[in-house]
N, C-alpha and C. Protein backbone atom coordinates (compact mmCIF):
# COMPACT_ATOMS: atom_id res chain seq x y z
N UNK A 1 -14.81 -76.30 9.17
CA UNK A 1 -13.29 -76.26 9.49
C UNK A 1 -13.08 -75.41 10.28
N UNK A 2 -12.73 -75.47 11.49
CA UNK A 2 -12.11 -74.64 12.28
C UNK A 2 -10.71 -73.58 12.53
N UNK A 3 -10.64 -72.78 12.51
CA UNK A 3 -9.49 -71.73 12.49
C UNK A 3 -8.61 -71.10 13.57
N UNK A 4 -8.05 -71.03 14.15
CA UNK A 4 -7.65 -70.77 15.31
C UNK A 4 -6.60 -69.49 15.02
N UNK A 5 -7.09 -68.30 15.91
CA UNK A 5 -6.25 -67.06 15.37
C UNK A 5 -5.01 -67.17 14.76
N UNK A 6 -4.03 -67.77 14.88
CA UNK A 6 -2.99 -67.80 14.59
C UNK A 6 -3.10 -67.48 13.12
N UNK A 7 -4.30 -68.10 12.53
CA UNK A 7 -4.67 -68.63 11.05
C UNK A 7 -5.09 -67.12 10.59
N UNK A 8 -5.51 -66.36 11.46
CA UNK A 8 -6.00 -65.36 11.31
C UNK A 8 -5.37 -63.51 11.60
N UNK A 9 -6.30 -62.41 10.93
CA UNK A 9 -5.71 -61.28 11.38
C UNK A 9 -5.98 -60.96 12.52
N UNK A 10 -5.72 -60.16 13.47
CA UNK A 10 -6.45 -59.31 14.42
C UNK A 10 -6.80 -57.69 13.78
N UNK A 11 -8.34 -57.66 13.51
CA UNK A 11 -8.28 -56.29 12.92
C UNK A 11 -9.45 -55.96 13.85
N UNK A 12 -10.08 -54.97 13.20
CA UNK A 12 -11.50 -53.96 13.76
C UNK A 12 -11.25 -52.94 14.53
N UNK A 13 -12.28 -52.28 14.43
CA UNK A 13 -11.94 -50.81 15.77
C UNK A 13 -11.64 -51.61 17.15
N UNK A 14 -11.18 -50.45 17.68
CA UNK A 14 -10.95 -50.45 19.05
C UNK A 14 -12.43 -51.23 19.80
N UNK A 15 -13.63 -50.33 19.49
CA UNK A 15 -14.92 -50.84 20.14
C UNK A 15 -15.38 -52.05 20.24
N UNK A 16 -14.30 -52.91 18.99
CA UNK A 16 -14.88 -54.33 19.34
C UNK A 16 -14.10 -55.40 19.75
N UNK A 17 -12.95 -54.51 20.76
CA UNK A 17 -11.79 -55.43 21.50
C UNK A 17 -12.98 -55.18 23.43
N UNK A 18 -12.86 -56.50 23.67
CA UNK A 18 -12.91 -56.78 25.25
C UNK A 18 -11.49 -56.54 25.71
N UNK A 19 -12.05 -55.98 27.31
CA UNK A 19 -11.31 -55.59 28.01
C UNK A 19 -11.64 -56.02 29.39
N UNK A 20 -10.50 -56.62 29.71
CA UNK A 20 -10.93 -56.87 31.40
C UNK A 20 -10.18 -56.63 32.15
N UNK A 21 -10.30 -55.99 33.40
CA UNK A 21 -9.23 -55.21 34.17
C UNK A 21 -8.85 -55.82 35.65
N UNK A 22 -7.53 -55.66 35.89
CA UNK A 22 -7.24 -56.69 37.16
C UNK A 22 -6.56 -55.83 38.31
N UNK A 23 -7.46 -55.21 39.24
CA UNK A 23 -6.59 -54.31 40.43
C UNK A 23 -5.60 -54.86 41.11
N UNK A 24 -4.62 -54.67 41.38
CA UNK A 24 -3.49 -55.06 41.82
C UNK A 24 -2.82 -56.12 41.56
N UNK A 25 -2.51 -55.80 40.11
CA UNK A 25 -1.79 -57.12 39.07
C UNK A 25 -1.11 -56.18 38.07
N UNK A 26 0.27 -56.35 37.97
CA UNK A 26 1.30 -55.36 37.50
C UNK A 26 1.68 -56.12 36.25
N UNK A 27 1.60 -55.97 35.28
CA UNK A 27 1.80 -56.77 33.83
C UNK A 27 3.22 -56.25 33.62
N UNK A 28 3.52 -54.83 34.11
CA UNK A 28 5.31 -54.41 33.78
C UNK A 28 6.24 -54.32 35.01
N UNK A 29 5.85 -55.45 36.02
CA UNK A 29 6.63 -55.42 37.12
C UNK A 29 8.02 -55.72 37.20
N UNK A 30 8.88 -54.75 37.56
CA UNK A 30 10.22 -55.08 37.47
C UNK A 30 11.10 -55.20 35.84
N UNK A 31 9.84 -54.47 35.29
CA UNK A 31 10.16 -54.71 33.77
C UNK A 31 10.68 -53.25 33.00
N UNK A 32 9.88 -52.62 33.00
CA UNK A 32 9.19 -51.04 33.02
C UNK A 32 10.01 -50.26 33.58
N UNK A 33 10.67 -49.51 33.08
CA UNK A 33 11.53 -48.17 33.70
C UNK A 33 10.48 -46.88 33.26
N UNK A 34 10.32 -45.99 34.37
CA UNK A 34 9.62 -44.77 34.26
C UNK A 34 10.02 -43.99 33.00
N UNK A 35 8.50 -43.68 32.33
CA UNK A 35 8.72 -42.97 31.23
C UNK A 35 9.74 -43.08 29.90
N UNK A 36 9.69 -44.88 29.78
CA UNK A 36 10.46 -45.46 28.96
C UNK A 36 9.70 -47.00 28.23
N UNK A 37 10.11 -46.73 26.80
CA UNK A 37 9.51 -47.91 26.28
C UNK A 37 10.70 -48.76 25.70
N UNK A 38 10.34 -50.17 25.40
CA UNK A 38 11.08 -50.93 25.14
C UNK A 38 10.68 -51.70 23.74
N UNK A 39 11.05 -52.87 23.49
CA UNK A 39 10.73 -53.70 22.09
C UNK A 39 9.26 -54.20 22.62
N UNK A 40 9.09 -54.56 23.88
CA UNK A 40 7.50 -54.98 24.09
C UNK A 40 6.69 -54.38 24.58
N UNK A 41 7.16 -53.12 25.34
CA UNK A 41 6.32 -52.27 26.63
C UNK A 41 6.31 -50.75 25.55
N UNK A 42 5.47 -50.30 25.29
CA UNK A 42 5.19 -48.82 24.84
C UNK A 42 4.56 -48.00 26.37
N UNK A 43 5.85 -47.31 26.38
CA UNK A 43 4.89 -46.36 26.89
C UNK A 43 4.21 -45.30 26.62
N UNK A 44 2.87 -45.31 27.04
CA UNK A 44 1.85 -44.60 26.42
C UNK A 44 1.65 -43.16 27.37
N UNK A 45 2.26 -42.73 28.15
CA UNK A 45 1.92 -41.17 28.54
C UNK A 45 1.99 -41.08 30.34
N UNK A 46 1.91 -40.47 30.75
CA UNK A 46 1.57 -40.30 31.94
C UNK A 46 -0.11 -39.35 31.80
N UNK A 47 -1.00 -40.26 32.39
CA UNK A 47 -2.32 -40.11 32.49
C UNK A 47 -2.74 -39.70 33.82
N UNK A 48 -4.54 -39.72 33.73
CA UNK A 48 -4.72 -38.98 34.86
C UNK A 48 -5.84 -40.09 35.07
N UNK A 49 -5.79 -41.13 34.55
CA UNK A 49 -6.96 -42.21 35.08
C UNK A 49 -6.63 -43.56 34.26
N UNK A 50 -7.20 -44.54 34.61
CA UNK A 50 -7.05 -45.87 34.66
C UNK A 50 -7.87 -45.94 33.10
N UNK A 51 -8.63 -45.49 33.38
CA UNK A 51 -9.94 -45.23 31.35
C UNK A 51 -8.74 -44.48 30.62
N UNK A 52 -8.37 -43.44 30.84
CA UNK A 52 -7.52 -42.93 30.12
C UNK A 52 -6.07 -43.48 29.11
N UNK A 53 -5.67 -44.37 30.45
CA UNK A 53 -4.74 -45.71 29.95
C UNK A 53 -5.63 -46.56 28.85
N UNK A 54 -6.71 -47.03 29.17
CA UNK A 54 -6.78 -47.95 28.60
C UNK A 54 -7.44 -47.78 26.97
N UNK A 55 -8.24 -45.91 26.67
CA UNK A 55 -7.87 -45.60 25.81
C UNK A 55 -7.05 -45.20 24.79
N UNK A 56 -5.68 -45.06 25.70
CA UNK A 56 -4.56 -44.61 24.84
C UNK A 56 -4.04 -46.05 24.43
N UNK A 57 -4.11 -47.29 24.93
CA UNK A 57 -4.06 -48.50 24.39
C UNK A 57 -4.62 -49.07 23.64
N UNK A 58 -5.95 -48.79 23.45
CA UNK A 58 -6.60 -49.66 22.42
C UNK A 58 -6.27 -48.33 20.89
N UNK A 59 -5.78 -47.28 21.27
CA UNK A 59 -5.42 -46.35 20.62
C UNK A 59 -3.93 -46.88 19.95
N UNK A 60 -3.10 -47.10 20.09
CA UNK A 60 -2.08 -47.34 19.97
C UNK A 60 -1.85 -47.87 18.51
N UNK A 61 -0.95 -47.36 17.83
CA UNK A 61 -0.59 -47.58 16.28
C UNK A 61 -0.30 -49.37 16.21
N UNK A 62 0.64 -49.65 17.33
CA UNK A 62 1.20 -51.16 17.46
C UNK A 62 0.11 -51.75 18.59
N UNK A 63 -0.42 -52.91 17.97
CA UNK A 63 -1.30 -53.55 18.83
C UNK A 63 -1.46 -54.07 19.94
N UNK A 64 -1.95 -53.51 20.83
CA UNK A 64 -1.80 -53.52 22.23
C UNK A 64 -2.82 -54.42 22.58
N UNK A 65 -1.84 -55.47 24.14
CA UNK A 65 -2.50 -56.55 24.29
C UNK A 65 -3.24 -56.64 25.85
N UNK A 66 -1.99 -55.72 26.13
CA UNK A 66 -2.90 -55.67 27.78
C UNK A 66 -1.98 -54.20 28.04
N UNK A 67 -1.95 -53.54 29.27
CA UNK A 67 -1.59 -52.20 29.78
C UNK A 67 -1.77 -52.30 31.20
N UNK A 68 -0.89 -51.88 31.66
CA UNK A 68 -1.11 -51.82 33.15
C UNK A 68 -0.72 -49.84 33.71
N UNK A 69 -1.69 -49.55 34.39
CA UNK A 69 -1.57 -48.03 34.84
C UNK A 69 -1.33 -48.32 36.49
N UNK A 70 -0.35 -47.23 36.76
CA UNK A 70 0.14 -46.90 37.76
C UNK A 70 -0.73 -45.47 38.63
N UNK A 71 -1.31 -46.04 39.49
CA UNK A 71 -2.18 -44.72 40.71
C UNK A 71 -0.92 -43.77 40.99
N UNK A 72 -1.76 -42.74 41.51
CA UNK A 72 -1.21 -41.45 42.31
C UNK A 72 0.05 -42.18 43.51
N UNK A 73 -0.21 -43.06 43.92
CA UNK A 73 0.62 -43.17 45.28
C UNK A 73 2.35 -44.49 44.60
N UNK A 74 2.14 -44.57 43.45
CA UNK A 74 3.35 -45.27 42.98
C UNK A 74 4.52 -44.66 42.60
N UNK A 75 4.82 -43.32 43.45
CA UNK A 75 5.96 -42.49 43.30
C UNK A 75 6.27 -42.21 41.81
N UNK A 76 7.90 -42.47 41.65
CA UNK A 76 8.28 -42.29 40.12
C UNK A 76 7.29 -42.96 39.30
N UNK A 77 6.70 -43.91 39.23
CA UNK A 77 5.52 -44.42 38.34
C UNK A 77 4.28 -43.77 38.68
N UNK A 78 4.14 -42.97 39.36
CA UNK A 78 2.79 -42.21 39.74
C UNK A 78 1.90 -41.76 37.70
N UNK A 79 0.92 -42.29 37.59
CA UNK A 79 -0.09 -42.06 36.68
C UNK A 79 0.85 -42.17 35.29
N UNK A 80 1.76 -43.18 35.48
CA UNK A 80 2.24 -43.65 34.35
C UNK A 80 1.58 -45.35 33.89
N UNK A 81 1.01 -44.87 32.16
CA UNK A 81 0.77 -46.03 31.57
C UNK A 81 1.60 -46.79 30.49
N UNK A 82 1.73 -47.82 30.32
CA UNK A 82 2.53 -48.88 29.83
C UNK A 82 1.32 -49.78 28.87
N UNK A 83 1.41 -49.70 27.67
CA UNK A 83 1.08 -50.87 27.03
C UNK A 83 1.92 -51.91 26.58
N UNK A 84 1.29 -53.54 26.64
CA UNK A 84 2.39 -54.42 26.29
C UNK A 84 1.87 -54.86 24.58
N UNK A 85 2.50 -54.87 23.56
CA UNK A 85 2.65 -54.36 22.47
C UNK A 85 3.02 -56.18 22.03
N UNK A 86 3.08 -57.01 22.76
CA UNK A 86 3.57 -58.15 22.57
C UNK A 86 2.17 -59.34 23.17
N UNK A 87 1.79 -60.38 22.49
CA UNK A 87 0.78 -60.97 23.03
C UNK A 87 0.97 -62.06 24.78
N UNK A 88 1.21 -61.63 25.97
CA UNK A 88 1.85 -62.33 26.14
C UNK A 88 0.73 -61.72 27.57
N UNK A 89 0.37 -62.44 28.82
CA UNK A 89 -0.44 -62.15 29.91
C UNK A 89 0.51 -62.93 31.09
N UNK A 90 1.12 -62.03 31.72
CA UNK A 90 1.75 -62.76 32.88
C UNK A 90 2.21 -61.70 33.89
N UNK A 91 0.93 -61.04 34.85
CA UNK A 91 1.28 -59.94 35.73
C UNK A 91 1.56 -60.50 37.04
N UNK A 92 2.16 -59.52 37.86
CA UNK A 92 2.52 -59.81 38.86
C UNK A 92 1.76 -59.39 39.66
N UNK A 93 1.16 -59.99 41.38
CA UNK A 93 0.60 -59.35 42.16
C UNK A 93 1.29 -57.60 42.69
N UNK A 94 0.58 -56.94 42.80
CA UNK A 94 1.39 -55.45 43.32
C UNK A 94 0.53 -54.77 44.18
N UNK A 95 0.50 -53.70 44.58
CA UNK A 95 -0.59 -52.80 45.77
C UNK A 95 -1.91 -52.38 44.76
N UNK A 96 -3.03 -52.00 45.54
CA UNK A 96 -3.81 -51.79 44.83
C UNK A 96 -4.49 -50.78 44.10
N UNK A 97 -3.32 -49.71 44.03
CA UNK A 97 -3.03 -48.73 43.15
C UNK A 97 -2.53 -49.04 41.92
N UNK A 98 -2.17 -49.95 41.53
CA UNK A 98 -1.91 -50.75 40.01
C UNK A 98 -2.79 -51.16 39.62
N UNK A 99 -3.55 -50.99 38.28
CA UNK A 99 -4.14 -52.10 37.40
C UNK A 99 -3.86 -52.44 36.06
N UNK A 100 -3.97 -53.48 36.06
CA UNK A 100 -3.74 -54.05 34.48
C UNK A 100 -4.95 -54.79 33.93
N UNK A 101 -4.79 -54.43 32.70
CA UNK A 101 -5.71 -55.47 31.67
C UNK A 101 -5.56 -56.04 30.87
N UNK A 102 -6.51 -56.67 30.40
CA UNK A 102 -5.75 -58.02 29.67
C UNK A 102 -6.98 -57.46 28.34
N UNK A 103 -6.29 -57.36 26.79
CA UNK A 103 -7.13 -56.67 25.69
C UNK A 103 -7.59 -58.04 24.78
N UNK A 104 -8.28 -58.23 24.66
CA UNK A 104 -9.06 -59.78 23.61
C UNK A 104 -9.35 -58.98 22.27
N UNK A 105 -8.42 -59.09 21.46
CA UNK A 105 -9.18 -58.70 19.82
C UNK A 105 -10.04 -59.43 19.39
N UNK A 106 -11.18 -59.20 18.49
CA UNK A 106 -11.65 -60.10 17.68
C UNK A 106 -10.68 -60.74 16.41
N UNK A 107 -10.98 -62.03 16.14
CA UNK A 107 -10.45 -62.58 15.13
C UNK A 107 -11.07 -62.45 13.42
N UNK A 108 -10.57 -62.04 12.72
CA UNK A 108 -11.28 -61.88 11.66
C UNK A 108 -10.55 -62.53 10.43
N UNK A 109 -10.79 -63.46 9.80
CA UNK A 109 -10.21 -64.36 8.77
C UNK A 109 -9.87 -63.18 7.32
N UNK A 110 -8.50 -63.60 7.99
CA UNK A 110 -7.57 -62.86 6.24
C UNK A 110 -8.32 -62.57 5.29
N UNK A 111 -8.26 -61.38 4.41
CA UNK A 111 -8.81 -61.25 3.28
C UNK A 111 -7.40 -61.55 2.05
N UNK A 112 -7.62 -62.91 1.89
CA UNK A 112 -6.73 -63.38 0.68
C UNK A 112 -7.03 -63.21 -0.88
N UNK A 113 -5.88 -63.05 -1.83
CA UNK A 113 -6.44 -62.60 -3.25
C UNK A 113 -6.32 -63.83 -3.69
N UNK A 114 -7.50 -63.54 -4.97
CA UNK A 114 -7.54 -65.25 -5.97
C UNK A 114 -6.39 -65.37 -6.39
N UNK A 115 -6.17 -66.60 -6.37
CA UNK A 115 -4.83 -67.13 -6.72
C UNK A 115 -5.26 -67.14 -8.73
N UNK A 116 -3.95 -66.63 -9.55
CA UNK A 116 -4.09 -66.10 -10.76
C UNK A 116 -3.96 -67.62 -11.71
N UNK A 117 -3.56 -68.78 -11.02
CA UNK A 117 -3.51 -69.73 -11.64
C UNK A 117 -4.10 -70.34 -12.62
């Protein structure tokens, strides 16, 4: 029997996640505001690097499905890291100093409790 991830829970340590980076792609283009979170975008902080942004995304309490890091040349967004906490991937082409990444979490079968019938 094949199960889709919809029938499974997404669990496991961040070390089990697979991350693919895309330079010049912006997952929060025209929707994020500097230093602010929304219902589906978590402001993860002003950080020093893409690596630090990725670590913040993977450690976020709400499941982080992708992130965008803005490099030093990005004006008011410089150094800002945003995590997407909804399962969507629709980046917009941007300048090379912006990096977005897609996070794939392992599917783990939900632990069901035995029926008492």
